[in-house]
Every structure is written in structure tokens, then in C-alpha cells.
Amino acid sequence: LGYAWDGARSGHAILEGYLNGKRVHRVRLNLSAGYPVTFMPRWGRVDQLVLRHSTYWQVLVDDFTYTD
């Protein structure tokens, strides 16, 4: 994960995992435009993943893999 723009300096990426409509996991990550941040959760079973930013910056996702 990372920022898509060098000027993005504030806020956090927020990832949430849901199961049957109920949030069961949540994490906030500090990101950078200069280097990637690796995130490898061991959340168990979720049926929905939500990725958003705490302000309005774009978040870059690369090499995403889902395993069930």
C-alpha cells in the first residue's frame, strides 16, 4: 500500500473486514509516497473488505492476493 501522489502527507489508510455485515477487523496504516507499506493480515474469515482513507488522498494497492 502507498500514496499515489508525492504531496499526500497526512491521514491514514483504513482497512476493515466484515463478516455477515458486522465489522470484525479494523486497522489504520500510516502510508508513504516514497516507499510501500506491506500489510499481511491474518484475519480469518471475512466476506467483505473495505479500504478507504481518513482524509481524501488516493491509496495505491499493488500485488493484492486473496486466499480463502
Protein backbone atom coordinates (compact mmCIF):
# COMPACT_ATOMS: atom_id res chain seq x y z
CA LEU A 1 0.00 0.00 0.00
CA GLY A 2 1.14 3.55 -0.59
CA TYR A 3 0.10 7.02 -1.64
CA ALA A 4 -0.37 7.67 -5.34
CA TRP A 5 0.86 11.29 -5.05
CA ASP A 6 4.04 12.73 -3.51
CA GLY A 7 2.09 15.59 -1.90
CA ALA A 8 -0.01 13.25 0.24
CA ARG A 9 1.37 13.65 3.73
CA SER A 10 -1.45 13.26 6.26
CA GLY A 11 -4.07 10.76 7.27
CA HIS A 12 -4.17 7.00 7.30
CA ALA A 13 -5.36 4.12 5.16
CA ILE A 14 -8.17 2.31 6.94
CA LEU A 15 -8.86 -1.35 6.21
CA GLU A 16 -11.93 -3.07 7.61
CA GLY A 17 -13.04 -6.68 7.36
CA TYR A 18 -16.70 -7.64 7.66
CA LEU A 19 -18.48 -10.94 8.19
CA ASN A 20 -22.25 -11.08 7.63
CA GLY A 21 -22.47 -7.27 7.70
CA LYS A 22 -20.68 -6.92 11.06
CA ARG A 23 -17.22 -5.35 11.26
CA VAL A 24 -14.86 -7.91 12.77
CA HIS A 25 -11.46 -6.32 11.97
CA ARG A 26 -10.13 -2.78 11.59
CA VAL A 27 -6.63 -1.38 11.16
CA ARG A 28 -5.18 2.08 10.42
CA LEU A 29 -1.90 2.26 8.50
CA ASN A 30 0.49 5.18 8.04
CA LEU A 31 1.42 5.30 4.34
CA SER A 32 4.14 6.96 2.29
CA ALA A 33 4.56 8.05 -1.31
CA GLY A 34 8.27 7.21 -1.06
CA TYR A 35 8.07 3.53 -0.12
CA PRO A 36 5.44 0.79 0.05
CA VAL A 37 3.90 -0.47 3.28
CA THR A 38 3.32 -4.22 3.37
CA PHE A 39 0.18 -5.42 5.11
CA MET A 40 -0.46 -9.14 5.54
CA PRO A 41 -3.42 -9.62 7.90
CA ARG A 42 -4.28 -12.96 9.44
CA TRP A 43 -7.91 -12.07 9.92
CA GLY A 44 -9.53 -15.41 9.29
CA ARG A 45 -12.87 -15.37 7.55
CA VAL A 46 -14.32 -12.16 6.12
CA ASP A 47 -16.85 -11.73 3.31
CA GLN A 48 -16.19 -8.04 2.64
CA LEU A 49 -13.02 -5.93 2.66
CA VAL A 50 -13.25 -2.13 2.75
CA LEU A 51 -10.26 0.11 2.03
CA ARG A 52 -10.56 3.87 2.48
CA HIS A 53 -8.53 6.89 3.54
CA SER A 54 -9.11 9.04 6.60
CA THR A 55 -8.98 12.26 4.54
CA TYR A 56 -9.25 12.32 0.76
CA TRP A 57 -5.94 11.06 -0.70
CA GLN A 58 -5.76 8.23 -3.17
CA VAL A 59 -4.33 4.95 -1.94
CA LEU A 60 -2.29 2.72 -4.24
CA VAL A 61 -2.70 -1.06 -3.91
CA ASP A 62 -0.30 -3.39 -5.69
CA ASP A 63 0.17 -7.17 -5.68
CA PHE A 64 -3.13 -7.89 -3.92
CA THR A 65 -3.80 -11.58 -3.24
CA TYR A 66 -6.86 -13.10 -1.61
CA THR A 67 -6.86 -16.65 -0.29
CA ASP A 68 -9.78 -18.43 1.25
